[in-house]
Amino acid sequence: ENWKPAGTGGRASRGWGVVVESEAVAEDLAAVFEADADWEDTARWD
């Protein structure tokens, strides 16, 4: 679900979610974030 009232806010959508406690999984997911956020096709919000 998206980060909005209909999704994470519980106002509309059936959604699934999971929280995993794992340094290895967190590191892999952080690597995805950094690869996406640090490339030149992203810009600081304005």
PDB file of all heavy atoms in Angstrom:
ATOM      1  N   GLU A   1       0.809  -1.215   0.000  1.00  0.00           N
ATOM      2  CA  GLU A   1       0.000   0.000   0.000  1.00  0.00           C
ATOM      3  C   GLU A   1       0.842   1.265   0.000  1.00  0.00           C
ATOM      4  O   GLU A   1       1.949   1.294   0.537  1.00  0.00           O
ATOM      5  CB  GLU A   1      -0.937   0.004   1.208  1.00  0.00           C
ATOM      6  CG  GLU A   1      -1.848  -1.206   1.259  1.00  0.00           C
ATOM      7  CD  GLU A   1      -2.500  -1.481  -0.078  1.00  0.00           C
ATOM      8  OE1 GLU A   1      -3.295  -0.636  -0.535  1.00  0.00           O
ATOM      9  OE2 GLU A   1      -2.217  -2.533  -0.684  1.00  0.00           O
ATOM     10  N   ASN A   2       0.279   2.310  -0.574  1.00  0.00           N
ATOM     11  CA  ASN A   2       0.950   3.600  -0.634  1.00  0.00           C
ATOM     12  C   ASN A   2       0.869   4.321   0.711  1.00  0.00           C
ATOM     13  O   ASN A   2      -0.018   4.064   1.529  1.00  0.00           O
ATOM     14  CB  ASN A   2       0.322   4.464  -1.726  1.00  0.00           C
ATOM     15  CG  ASN A   2       0.565   3.914  -3.109  1.00  0.00           C
ATOM     16  OD1 ASN A   2       1.700   3.648  -3.496  1.00  0.00           O
ATOM     17  ND2 ASN A   2      -0.499   3.707  -3.867  1.00  0.00           N
ATOM     18  N   TRP A   3       1.800   5.262   0.880  1.00  0.00           N
ATOM     19  CA  TRP A   3       1.864   6.046   2.112  1.00  0.00           C
ATOM     20  C   TRP A   3       0.829   7.183   2.042  1.00  0.00           C
ATOM     21  O   TRP A   3       1.164   8.346   1.845  1.00  0.00           O
ATOM     22  CB  TRP A   3       3.259   6.601   2.302  1.00  0.00           C
ATOM     23  CG  TRP A   3       4.314   5.549   2.481  1.00  0.00           C
ATOM     24  CD1 TRP A   3       5.114   5.006   1.514  1.00  0.00           C
ATOM     25  CD2 TRP A   3       4.689   4.919   3.710  1.00  0.00           C
ATOM     26  NE1 TRP A   3       5.950   4.075   2.053  1.00  0.00           N
ATOM     27  CE2 TRP A   3       5.719   3.998   3.408  1.00  0.00           C
ATOM     28  CE3 TRP A   3       4.255   5.036   5.031  1.00  0.00           C
ATOM     29  CZ2 TRP A   3       6.322   3.202   4.372  1.00  0.00           C
ATOM     30  CZ3 TRP A   3       4.856   4.250   5.998  1.00  0.00           C
ATOM     31  CH2 TRP A   3       5.878   3.347   5.672  1.00  0.00           C
ATOM     32  N   LYS A   4      -0.425   6.814   2.215  1.00  0.00           N
ATOM     33  CA  LYS A   4      -1.504   7.798   2.166  1.00  0.00           C
ATOM     34  C   LYS A   4      -2.703   7.241   2.932  1.00  0.00           C
ATOM     35  O   LYS A   4      -2.730   6.049   3.281  1.00  0.00           O
ATOM     36  CB  LYS A   4      -1.874   8.122   0.723  1.00  0.00           C
ATOM     37  CG  LYS A   4      -2.376   6.943  -0.103  1.00  0.00           C
ATOM     38  CD  LYS A   4      -2.665   7.393  -1.537  1.00  0.00           C
ATOM     39  CE  LYS A   4      -3.258   6.273  -2.363  1.00  0.00           C
ATOM     40  NZ  LYS A   4      -3.561   6.715  -3.752  1.00  0.00           N
ATOM     41  N   PRO A   5      -3.720   8.068   3.207  1.00  0.00           N
ATOM     42  CA  PRO A   5      -4.854   7.611   4.023  1.00  0.00           C
ATOM     43  C   PRO A   5      -5.521   6.349   3.493  1.00  0.00           C
ATOM     44  O   PRO A   5      -5.886   5.464   4.272  1.00  0.00           O
ATOM     45  CB  PRO A   5      -5.803   8.816   3.999  1.00  0.00           C
ATOM     46  CG  PRO A   5      -4.897   9.994   3.847  1.00  0.00           C
ATOM     47  CD  PRO A   5      -3.787   9.532   2.947  1.00  0.00           C
ATOM     48  N   ALA A   6      -5.695   6.234   2.172  1.00  0.00           N
ATOM     49  CA  ALA A   6      -6.363   5.055   1.616  1.00  0.00           C
ATOM     50  C   ALA A   6      -5.555   3.792   1.812  1.00  0.00           C
ATOM     51  O   ALA A   6      -6.118   2.692   1.859  1.00  0.00           O
ATOM     52  CB  ALA A   6      -6.633   5.264   0.124  1.00  0.00           C
ATOM     53  N   GLY A   7      -4.222   3.922   1.936  1.00  0.00           N
ATOM     54  CA  GLY A   7      -3.348   2.769   2.064  1.00  0.00           C
ATOM     55  C   GLY A   7      -2.920   2.520   3.487  1.00  0.00           C
ATOM     56  O   GLY A   7      -3.600   1.828   4.251  1.00  0.00           O
ATOM     57  N   THR A   8      -1.769   3.095   3.873  1.00  0.00           N
ATOM     58  CA  THR A   8      -1.267   2.879   5.230  1.00  0.00           C
ATOM     59  C   THR A   8      -2.177   3.480   6.283  1.00  0.00           C
ATOM     60  O   THR A   8      -2.101   3.101   7.460  1.00  0.00           O
ATOM     61  CB  THR A   8       0.145   3.465   5.380  1.00  0.00           C
ATOM     62  OG1 THR A   8       0.119   4.858   5.031  1.00  0.00           O
ATOM     63  CG2 THR A   8       1.132   2.738   4.476  1.00  0.00           C
ATOM     64  N   GLY A   9      -3.027   4.409   5.885  1.00  0.00           N
ATOM     65  CA  GLY A   9      -3.959   5.007   6.841  1.00  0.00           C
ATOM     66  C   GLY A   9      -5.139   4.129   7.190  1.00  0.00           C
ATOM     67  O   GLY A   9      -5.902   4.434   8.114  1.00  0.00           O
ATOM     68  N   GLY A  10      -5.342   3.027   6.446  1.00  0.00           N
ATOM     69  CA  GLY A  10      -6.425   2.111   6.752  1.00  0.00           C
ATOM     70  C   GLY A  10      -7.803   2.621   6.392  1.00  0.00           C
ATOM     71  O   GLY A  10      -8.812   2.160   6.952  1.00  0.00           O
ATOM     72  N   ARG A  11      -7.889   3.552   5.433  1.00  0.00           N
ATOM     73  CA  ARG A  11      -9.166   4.173   5.101  1.00  0.00           C
ATOM     74  C   ARG A  11      -9.867   3.554   3.901  1.00  0.00           C
ATOM     75  O   ARG A  11     -11.003   3.915   3.607  1.00  0.00           O
ATOM     76  CB  ARG A  11      -8.971   5.676   4.835  1.00  0.00           C
ATOM     77  CG  ARG A  11      -8.515   6.473   6.035  1.00  0.00           C
ATOM     78  CD  ARG A  11      -9.579   6.498   7.111  1.00  0.00           C
ATOM     79  NE  ARG A  11      -9.255   7.399   8.204  1.00  0.00           N
ATOM     80  CZ  ARG A  11     -10.036   7.599   9.252  1.00  0.00           C
ATOM     81  NH1 ARG A  11     -11.180   6.939   9.359  1.00  0.00           N
ATOM     82  NH2 ARG A  11      -9.662   8.424  10.213  1.00  0.00           N
ATOM     83  N   ALA A  12      -9.206   2.631   3.193  1.00  0.00           N
ATOM     84  CA  ALA A  12      -9.866   2.103   2.000  1.00  0.00           C
ATOM     85  C   ALA A  12      -9.388   0.711   1.587  1.00  0.00           C
ATOM     86  O   ALA A  12     -10.196  -0.182   1.395  1.00  0.00           O
ATOM     87  CB  ALA A  12      -9.703   3.075   0.818  1.00  0.00           C
ATOM     88  N   SER A  13      -8.090   0.518   1.424  1.00  0.00           N
ATOM     89  CA  SER A  13      -7.578  -0.619   0.659  1.00  0.00           C
ATOM     90  C   SER A  13      -7.284  -1.850   1.502  1.00  0.00           C
ATOM     91  O   SER A  13      -6.812  -1.750   2.639  1.00  0.00           O
ATOM     92  CB  SER A  13      -6.290  -0.220  -0.075  1.00  0.00           C
ATOM     93  OG  SER A  13      -6.527   0.846  -0.969  1.00  0.00           O
ATOM     94  N   ARG A  14      -7.567  -3.027   0.918  1.00  0.00           N
ATOM     95  CA  ARG A  14      -7.014  -4.272   1.447  1.00  0.00           C
ATOM     96  C   ARG A  14      -5.572  -4.352   0.994  1.00  0.00           C
ATOM     97  O   ARG A  14      -5.257  -4.283  -0.205  1.00  0.00           O
ATOM     98  CB  ARG A  14      -7.770  -5.484   0.917  1.00  0.00           C
ATOM     99  CG  ARG A  14      -7.045  -6.810   1.088  1.00  0.00           C
ATOM    100  CD  ARG A  14      -6.758  -7.180   2.550  1.00  0.00           C
ATOM    101  NE  ARG A  14      -7.899  -7.827   3.188  1.00  0.00           N
ATOM    102  CZ  ARG A  14      -8.213  -7.663   4.462  1.00  0.00           C
ATOM    103  NH1 ARG A  14      -7.500  -6.834   5.228  1.00  0.00           N
ATOM    104  NH2 ARG A  14      -9.258  -8.297   4.972  1.00  0.00           N
ATOM    105  N   GLY A  15      -4.688  -4.439   1.959  1.00  0.00           N
ATOM    106  CA  GLY A  15      -3.274  -4.538   1.652  1.00  0.00           C
ATOM    107  C   GLY A  15      -2.584  -5.521   2.566  1.00  0.00           C
ATOM    108  O   GLY A  15      -3.108  -5.894   3.626  1.00  0.00           O
ATOM    109  N   TRP A  16      -1.419  -5.968   2.148  1.00  0.00           N
ATOM    110  CA  TRP A  16      -0.582  -6.864   2.932  1.00  0.00           C
ATOM    111  C   TRP A  16       0.724  -6.156   3.262  1.00  0.00           C
ATOM    112  O   TRP A  16       1.204  -5.310   2.501  1.00  0.00           O
ATOM    113  CB  TRP A  16      -0.241  -8.134   2.160  1.00  0.00           C
ATOM    114  CG  TRP A  16      -1.388  -9.038   1.844  1.00  0.00           C
ATOM    115  CD1 TRP A  16      -2.718  -8.798   2.045  1.00  0.00           C
ATOM    116  CD2 TRP A  16      -1.300 -10.347   1.251  1.00  0.00           C
ATOM    117  NE1 TRP A  16      -3.464  -9.864   1.624  1.00  0.00           N
ATOM    118  CE2 TRP A  16      -2.619 -10.842   1.127  1.00  0.00           C
ATOM    119  CE3 TRP A  16      -0.253 -11.147   0.820  1.00  0.00           C
ATOM    120  CZ2 TRP A  16      -2.910 -12.081   0.586  1.00  0.00           C
ATOM    121  CZ3 TRP A  16      -0.523 -12.385   0.277  1.00  0.00           C
ATOM    122  CH2 TRP A  16      -1.843 -12.851   0.162  1.00  0.00           C
ATOM    123  N   GLY A  17       1.307  -6.501   4.403  1.00  0.00           N
ATOM    124  CA  GLY A  17       2.600  -5.941   4.769  1.00  0.00           C
ATOM    125  C   GLY A  17       3.359  -6.871   5.679  1.00  0.00           C
ATOM    126  O   GLY A  17       2.780  -7.721   6.362  1.00  0.00           O
ATOM    127  N   VAL A  18       4.676  -6.708   5.712  1.00  0.00           N
ATOM    128  CA  VAL A  18       5.511  -7.545   6.573  1.00  0.00           C
ATOM    129  C   VAL A  18       6.698  -6.715   7.059  1.00  0.00           C
ATOM    130  O   VAL A  18       7.256  -5.902   6.318  1.00  0.00           O
ATOM    131  CB  VAL A  18       5.992  -8.813   5.816  1.00  0.00           C
ATOM    132  CG1 VAL A  18       6.878  -8.459   4.642  1.00  0.00           C
ATOM    133  CG2 VAL A  18       6.706  -9.769   6.759  1.00  0.00           C
ATOM    134  N   VAL A  19       7.039  -6.890   8.330  1.00  0.00           N
ATOM    135  CA  VAL A  19       8.223  -6.269   8.929  1.00  0.00           C
ATOM    136  C   VAL A  19       9.193  -7.388   9.275  1.00  0.00           C
ATOM    137  O   VAL A  19       8.868  -8.265  10.077  1.00  0.00           O
ATOM    138  CB  VAL A  19       7.871  -5.461  10.190  1.00  0.00           C
ATOM    139  CG1 VAL A  19       9.130  -4.768  10.737  1.00  0.00           C
ATOM    140  CG2 VAL A  19       6.789  -4.435   9.901  1.00  0.00           C
ATOM    141  N   VAL A  20      10.372  -7.355   8.680  1.00  0.00           N
ATOM    142  CA  VAL A  20      11.369  -8.409   8.881  1.00  0.00           C
ATOM    143  C   VAL A  20      12.498  -7.864   9.743  1.00  0.00           C
ATOM    144  O   VAL A  20      13.068  -6.808   9.449  1.00  0.00           O
ATOM    145  CB  VAL A  20      11.924  -8.915   7.537  1.00  0.00           C
ATOM    146  CG1 VAL A  20      13.026  -9.943   7.768  1.00  0.00           C
ATOM    147  CG2 VAL A  20      10.810  -9.508   6.694  1.00  0.00           C
ATOM    148  N   GLU A  21      12.831  -8.583  10.804  1.00  0.00           N
ATOM    149  CA  GLU A  21      13.954  -8.221  11.659  1.00  0.00           C
ATOM    150  C   GLU A  21      15.181  -8.969  11.171  1.00  0.00           C
ATOM    151  O   GLU A  21      15.354 -10.155  11.441  1.00  0.00           O
ATOM    152  CB  GLU A  21      13.633  -8.565  13.113  1.00  0.00           C
ATOM    153  CG  GLU A  21      12.434  -7.804  13.653  1.00  0.00           C
ATOM    154  CD  GLU A  21      12.127  -8.158  15.092  1.00  0.00           C
ATOM    155  OE1 GLU A  21      13.082  -8.419  15.858  1.00  0.00           O
ATOM    156  OE2 GLU A  21      10.938  -8.181  15.441  1.00  0.00           O
ATOM    157  N   SER A  22      16.026  -8.256  10.429  1.00  0.00           N
ATOM    158  CA  SER A  22      17.197  -8.890   9.820  1.00  0.00           C
ATOM    159  C   SER A  22      18.157  -7.824   9.326  1.00  0.00           C
ATOM    160  O   SER A  22      17.793  -6.988   8.501  1.00  0.00           O
ATOM    161  CB  SER A  22      16.778  -9.785   8.650  1.00  0.00           C
ATOM    162  OG  SER A  22      17.882 -10.131   7.844  1.00  0.00           O
ATOM    163  N   GLU A  23      19.372  -7.854   9.820  1.00  0.00           N
ATOM    164  CA  GLU A  23      20.383  -6.915   9.345  1.00  0.00           C
ATOM    165  C   GLU A  23      20.666  -7.127   7.865  1.00  0.00           C
ATOM    166  O   GLU A  23      20.812  -6.170   7.101  1.00  0.00           O
ATOM    167  CB  GLU A  23      21.671  -7.076  10.149  1.00  0.00           C
ATOM    168  CG  GLU A  23      22.783  -6.134   9.724  1.00  0.00           C
ATOM    169  CD  GLU A  23      24.055  -6.313  10.535  1.00  0.00           C
ATOM    170  OE1 GLU A  23      24.054  -7.157  11.453  1.00  0.00           O
ATOM    171  OE2 GLU A  23      25.058  -5.630  10.240  1.00  0.00           O
ATOM    172  N   ALA A  24      20.713  -8.390   7.432  1.00  0.00           N
ATOM    173  CA  ALA A  24      21.030  -8.690   6.036  1.00  0.00           C
ATOM    174  C   ALA A  24      19.949  -8.177   5.094  1.00  0.00           C
ATOM    175  O   ALA A  24      20.245  -7.582   4.050  1.00  0.00           O
ATOM    176  CB  ALA A  24      21.218 -10.196   5.850  1.00  0.00           C
ATOM    177  N   VAL A  25      18.686  -8.403   5.434  1.00  0.00           N
ATOM    178  CA  VAL A  25      17.589  -7.925   4.589  1.00  0.00           C
ATOM    179  C   VAL A  25      17.558  -6.405   4.571  1.00  0.00           C
ATOM    180  O   VAL A  25      17.382  -5.784   3.510  1.00  0.00           O
ATOM    181  CB  VAL A  25      16.243  -8.496   5.082  1.00  0.00           C
ATOM    182  CG1 VAL A  25      15.086  -7.911   4.274  1.00  0.00           C
ATOM    183  CG2 VAL A  25      16.239 -10.016   4.981  1.00  0.00           C
ATOM    184  N   ALA A  26      17.748  -5.782   5.736  1.00  0.00           N
ATOM    185  CA  ALA A  26      17.755  -4.323   5.801  1.00  0.00           C
ATOM    186  C   ALA A  26      18.886  -3.744   4.953  1.00  0.00           C
ATOM    187  O   ALA A  26      18.696  -2.728   4.265  1.00  0.00           O
ATOM    188  CB  ALA A  26      17.882  -3.865   7.248  1.00  0.00           C
ATOM    189  N   GLU A  27      20.062  -4.378   4.972  1.00  0.00           N
ATOM    190  CA  GLU A  27      21.186  -3.873   4.183  1.00  0.00           C
ATOM    191  C   GLU A  27      20.911  -3.994   2.690  1.00  0.00           C
ATOM    192  O   GLU A  27      21.240  -3.094   1.908  1.00  0.00           O
ATOM    193  CB  GLU A  27      22.465  -4.618   4.554  1.00  0.00           C
ATOM    194  CG  GLU A  27      23.050  -4.198   5.886  1.00  0.00           C
ATOM    195  CD  GLU A  27      23.359  -2.713   5.932  1.00  0.00           C
ATOM    196  OE1 GLU A  27      23.938  -2.173   4.973  1.00  0.00           O
ATOM    197  OE2 GLU A  27      22.996  -2.074   6.944  1.00  0.00           O
ATOM    198  N   ASP A  28      20.327  -5.118   2.258  1.00  0.00           N
ATOM    199  CA  ASP A  28      19.999  -5.271   0.841  1.00  0.00           C
ATOM    200  C   ASP A  28      18.981  -4.227   0.398  1.00  0.00           C
ATOM    201  O   ASP A  28      19.094  -3.655  -0.692  1.00  0.00           O
ATOM    202  CB  ASP A  28      19.458  -6.681   0.579  1.00  0.00           C
ATOM    203  CG  ASP A  28      20.550  -7.651   0.167  1.00  0.00           C
ATOM    204  OD1 ASP A  28      21.714  -7.427   0.569  1.00  0.00           O
ATOM    205  OD2 ASP A  28      20.265  -8.629  -0.545  1.00  0.00           O
ATOM    206  N   LEU A  29      17.983  -3.983   1.243  1.00  0.00           N
ATOM    207  CA  LEU A  29      16.964  -2.997   0.888  1.00  0.00           C
ATOM    208  C   LEU A  29      17.538  -1.582   0.914  1.00  0.00           C
ATOM    209  O   LEU A  29      17.187  -0.742   0.074  1.00  0.00           O
ATOM    210  CB  LEU A  29      15.784  -3.121   1.853  1.00  0.00           C
ATOM    211  CG  LEU A  29      14.433  -2.612   1.357  1.00  0.00           C
ATOM    212  CD1 LEU A  29      14.072  -3.205   0.011  1.00  0.00           C
ATOM    213  CD2 LEU A  29      13.348  -2.918   2.374  1.00  0.00           C
ATOM    214  N   ALA A  30      18.437  -1.311   1.847  1.00  0.00           N
ATOM    215  CA  ALA A  30      19.097  -0.005   1.882  1.00  0.00           C
ATOM    216  C   ALA A  30      19.944   0.220   0.638  1.00  0.00           C
ATOM    217  O   ALA A  30      20.026   1.342   0.116  1.00  0.00           O
ATOM    218  CB  ALA A  30      19.967   0.111   3.138  1.00  0.00           C
ATOM    219  N   ALA A  31      20.566  -0.851   0.128  1.00  0.00           N
ATOM    220  CA  ALA A  31      21.356  -0.729  -1.100  1.00  0.00           C
ATOM    221  C   ALA A  31      20.477  -0.355  -2.288  1.00  0.00           C
ATOM    222  O   ALA A  31      20.888   0.420  -3.159  1.00  0.00           O
ATOM    223  CB  ALA A  31      22.100  -2.036  -1.377  1.00  0.00           C
ATOM    224  N   VAL A  32      19.265  -0.904  -2.339  1.00  0.00           N
ATOM    225  CA  VAL A  32      18.321  -0.531  -3.389  1.00  0.00           C
ATOM    226  C   VAL A  32      17.975   0.950  -3.266  1.00  0.00           C
ATOM    227  O   VAL A  32      17.983   1.698  -4.252  1.00  0.00           O
ATOM    228  CB  VAL A  32      17.040  -1.389  -3.303  1.00  0.00           C
ATOM    229  CG1 VAL A  32      16.008  -0.914  -4.333  1.00  0.00           C
ATOM    230  CG2 VAL A  32      17.361  -2.854  -3.540  1.00  0.00           C
ATOM    231  N   PHE A  33      17.672   1.380  -2.057  1.00  0.00           N
ATOM    232  CA  PHE A  33      17.324   2.788  -1.835  1.00  0.00           C
ATOM    233  C   PHE A  33      18.456   3.707  -2.273  1.00  0.00           C
ATOM    234  O   PHE A  33      18.236   4.700  -2.988  1.00  0.00           O
ATOM    235  CB  PHE A  33      16.992   3.020  -0.358  1.00  0.00           C
ATOM    236  CG  PHE A  33      16.535   4.419  -0.051  1.00  0.00           C
ATOM    237  CD1 PHE A  33      15.184   4.720   0.024  1.00  0.00           C
ATOM    238  CD2 PHE A  33      17.454   5.444   0.152  1.00  0.00           C
ATOM    239  CE1 PHE A  33      14.751   6.010   0.289  1.00  0.00           C
ATOM    240  CE2 PHE A  33      17.039   6.742   0.419  1.00  0.00           C
ATOM    241  CZ  PHE A  33      15.684   7.024   0.489  1.00  0.00           C
ATOM    242  N   GLU A  34      19.673   3.403  -1.850  1.00  0.00           N
ATOM    243  CA  GLU A  34      20.808   4.265  -2.173  1.00  0.00           C
ATOM    244  C   GLU A  34      21.075   4.300  -3.668  1.00  0.00           C
ATOM    245  O   GLU A  34      21.392   5.357  -4.230  1.00  0.00           O
ATOM    246  CB  GLU A  34      22.042   3.791  -1.407  1.00  0.00           C
ATOM    247  CG  GLU A  34      21.932   4.029   0.089  1.00  0.00           C
ATOM    248  CD  GLU A  34      22.962   3.251   0.893  1.00  0.00           C
ATOM    249  OE1 GLU A  34      23.736   2.483   0.268  1.00  0.00           O
ATOM    250  OE2 GLU A  34      22.985   3.390   2.133  1.00  0.00           O
ATOM    251  N   ALA A  35      20.964   3.140  -4.332  1.00  0.00           N
ATOM    252  CA  ALA A  35      21.171   3.111  -5.782  1.00  0.00           C
ATOM    253  C   ALA A  35      20.136   3.966  -6.501  1.00  0.00           C
ATOM    254  O   ALA A  35      20.444   4.613  -7.509  1.00  0.00           O
ATOM    255  CB  ALA A  35      21.112   1.672  -6.293  1.00  0.00           C
ATOM    256  N   ASP A  36      18.920   3.982  -5.990  1.00  0.00           N
ATOM    257  CA  ASP A  36      17.858   4.755  -6.631  1.00  0.00           C
ATOM    258  C   ASP A  36      17.946   6.233  -6.282  1.00  0.00           C
ATOM    259  O   ASP A  36      17.798   7.104  -7.155  1.00  0.00           O
ATOM    260  CB  ASP A  36      16.492   4.203  -6.221  1.00  0.00           C
ATOM    261  CG  ASP A  36      16.204   2.837  -6.820  1.00  0.00           C
ATOM    262  OD1 ASP A  36      16.931   2.435  -7.753  1.00  0.00           O
ATOM    263  OD2 ASP A  36      15.266   2.177  -6.366  1.00  0.00           O
ATOM    264  N   ALA A  37      18.177   6.550  -5.018  1.00  0.00           N
ATOM    265  CA  ALA A  37      18.145   7.945  -4.578  1.00  0.00           C
ATOM    266  C   ALA A  37      19.393   8.720  -4.982  1.00  0.00           C
ATOM    267  O   ALA A  37      19.318   9.939  -5.168  1.00  0.00           O
ATOM    268  CB  ALA A  37      17.979   8.003  -3.056  1.00  0.00           C
ATOM    269  N   ASP A  38      20.522   8.057  -5.132  1.00  0.00           N
ATOM    270  CA  ASP A  38      21.788   8.755  -5.341  1.00  0.00           C
ATOM    271  C   ASP A  38      22.157   8.930  -6.802  1.00  0.00           C
ATOM    272  O   ASP A  38      23.226   9.461  -7.110  1.00  0.00           O
ATOM    273  CB  ASP A  38      22.921   8.010  -4.625  1.00  0.00           C
ATOM    274  CG  ASP A  38      22.764   8.029  -3.115  1.00  0.00           C
ATOM    275  OD1 ASP A  38      22.014   8.889  -2.615  1.00  0.00           O
ATOM    276  OD2 ASP A  38      23.364   7.177  -2.429  1.00  0.00           O
ATOM    277  N   TRP A  39      21.296   8.474  -7.711  1.00  0.00           N
ATOM    278  CA  TRP A  39      21.610   8.615  -9.134  1.00  0.00           C
ATOM    279  C   TRP A  39      21.164   9.984  -9.639  1.00  0.00           C
ATOM    280  O   TRP A  39      20.405  10.693  -8.972  1.00  0.00           O
ATOM    281  CB  TRP A  39      20.958   7.483  -9.930  1.00  0.00           C
ATOM    282  CG  TRP A  39      21.487   7.340 -11.324  1.00  0.00           C
ATOM    283  CD1 TRP A  39      20.841   7.643 -12.484  1.00  0.00           C
ATOM    284  CD2 TRP A  39      22.781   6.890 -11.711  1.00  0.00           C
ATOM    285  NE1 TRP A  39      21.634   7.381 -13.563  1.00  0.00           N
ATOM    286  CE2 TRP A  39      22.847   6.929 -13.122  1.00  0.00           C
ATOM    287  CE3 TRP A  39      23.895   6.451 -10.995  1.00  0.00           C
ATOM    288  CZ2 TRP A  39      23.980   6.549 -13.829  1.00  0.00           C
ATOM    289  CZ3 TRP A  39      25.026   6.069 -11.706  1.00  0.00           C
ATOM    290  CH2 TRP A  39      25.049   6.123 -13.104  1.00  0.00           C
ATOM    291  N   GLU A  40      21.604  10.357 -10.813  1.00  0.00           N
ATOM    292  CA  GLU A  40      21.384  11.707 -11.312  1.00  0.00           C
ATOM    293  C   GLU A  40      19.966  11.975 -11.794  1.00  0.00           C
ATOM    294  O   GLU A  40      19.636  13.123 -12.118  1.00  0.00           O
ATOM    295  CB  GLU A  40      22.358  11.996 -12.458  1.00  0.00           C
ATOM    296  CG  GLU A  40      22.191  11.070 -13.648  1.00  0.00           C
ATOM    297  CD  GLU A  40      23.363  11.143 -14.613  1.00  0.00           C
ATOM    298  OE1 GLU A  40      24.522  11.183 -14.161  1.00  0.00           O
ATOM    299  OE2 GLU A  40      23.100  11.164 -15.822  1.00  0.00           O
ATOM    300  N   ASP A  41      19.091  10.933 -11.862  1.00  0.00           N
ATOM    301  CA  ASP A  41      17.720  11.186 -12.308  1.00  0.00           C
ATOM    302  C   ASP A  41      16.776  11.494 -11.149  1.00  0.00           C
ATOM    303  O   ASP A  41      15.564  11.534 -11.327  1.00  0.00           O
ATOM    304  CB  ASP A  41      17.174  10.007 -13.122  1.00  0.00           C
ATOM    305  CG  ASP A  41      17.236   8.678 -12.387  1.00  0.00           C
ATOM    306  OD1 ASP A  41      17.767   8.653 -11.259  1.00  0.00           O
ATOM    307  OD2 ASP A  41      16.768   7.666 -12.943  1.00  0.00           O
ATOM    308  N   THR A  42      17.330  11.705  -9.955  1.00  0.00           N
ATOM    309  CA  THR A  42      16.515  12.189  -8.845  1.00  0.00           C
ATOM    310  C   THR A  42      16.953  13.597  -8.494  1.00  0.00           C
ATOM    311  O   THR A  42      18.094  13.993  -8.740  1.00  0.00           O
ATOM    312  CB  THR A  42      16.639  11.296  -7.600  1.00  0.00           C
ATOM    313  OG1 THR A  42      17.960  11.416  -7.052  1.00  0.00           O
ATOM    314  CG2 THR A  42      16.349   9.846  -7.937  1.00  0.00           C
ATOM    315  N   ALA A  43      16.037  14.348  -7.911  1.00  0.00           N
ATOM    316  CA  ALA A  43      16.317  15.734  -7.528  1.00  0.00           C
ATOM    317  C   ALA A  43      15.748  16.000  -6.152  1.00  0.00           C
ATOM    318  O   ALA A  43      14.769  15.375  -5.732  1.00  0.00           O
ATOM    319  CB  ALA A  43      15.710  16.705  -8.538  1.00  0.00           C
ATOM    320  N   ARG A  44      16.362  16.925  -5.429  1.00  0.00           N
ATOM    321  CA  ARG A  44      15.789  17.329  -4.148  1.00  0.00           C
ATOM    322  C   ARG A  44      14.425  17.971  -4.381  1.00  0.00           C
ATOM    323  O   ARG A  44      14.247  18.748  -5.319  1.00  0.00           O
ATOM    324  CB  ARG A  44      16.714  18.313  -3.430  1.00  0.00           C
ATOM    325  CG  ARG A  44      17.847  17.636  -2.682  1.00  0.00           C
ATOM    326  CD  ARG A  44      18.570  18.628  -1.790  1.00  0.00           C
ATOM    327  NE  ARG A  44      19.584  17.990  -0.990  1.00  0.00           N
ATOM    328  CZ  ARG A  44      19.387  17.486   0.215  1.00  0.00           C
ATOM    329  NH1 ARG A  44      18.175  17.539   0.756  1.00  0.00           N
ATOM    330  NH2 ARG A  44      20.369  16.929   0.883  1.00  0.00           N
ATOM    331  N   TRP A  45      13.493  17.623  -3.515  1.00  0.00           N
ATOM    332  CA  TRP A  45      12.132  18.119  -3.666  1.00  0.00           C
ATOM    333  C   TRP A  45      12.088  19.641  -3.620  1.00  0.00           C
ATOM    334  O   TRP A  45      12.690  20.289  -2.776  1.00  0.00           O
ATOM    335  CB  TRP A  45      11.228  17.560  -2.567  1.00  0.00           C
ATOM    336  CG  TRP A  45       9.923  18.308  -2.448  1.00  0.00           C
ATOM    337  CD1 TRP A  45       9.563  19.177  -1.464  1.00  0.00           C
ATOM    338  CD2 TRP A  45       8.825  18.255  -3.365  1.00  0.00           C
ATOM    339  NE1 TRP A  45       8.311  19.676  -1.697  1.00  0.00           N
ATOM    340  CE2 TRP A  45       7.829  19.118  -2.861  1.00  0.00           C
ATOM    341  CE3 TRP A  45       8.594  17.570  -4.546  1.00  0.00           C
ATOM    342  CZ2 TRP A  45       6.613  19.313  -3.497  1.00  0.00           C
ATOM    343  CZ3 TRP A  45       7.378  17.760  -5.186  1.00  0.00           C
ATOM    344  CH2 TRP A  45       6.413  18.616  -4.671  1.00  0.00           C
ATOM    345  N   ASP A  46      11.365  20.174  -4.574  1.00  0.00           N
ATOM    346  CA  ASP A  46      11.038  21.590  -4.630  1.00  0.00           C
ATOM    347  C   ASP A  46       9.644  21.687  -5.218  1.00  0.00           C
ATOM    348  O   ASP A  46       9.302  20.944  -6.142  1.00  0.00           O
ATOM    349  CB  ASP A  46      12.050  22.356  -5.499  1.00  0.00           C
ATOM    350  CG  ASP A  46      11.759  23.838  -5.530  1.00  0.00           C
ATOM    351  OD1 ASP A  46      10.981  24.261  -6.410  1.00  0.00           O
ATOM    352  OD2 ASP A  46      12.298  24.555  -4.675  1.00  0.00           O
TER     353      ASP A  46
END
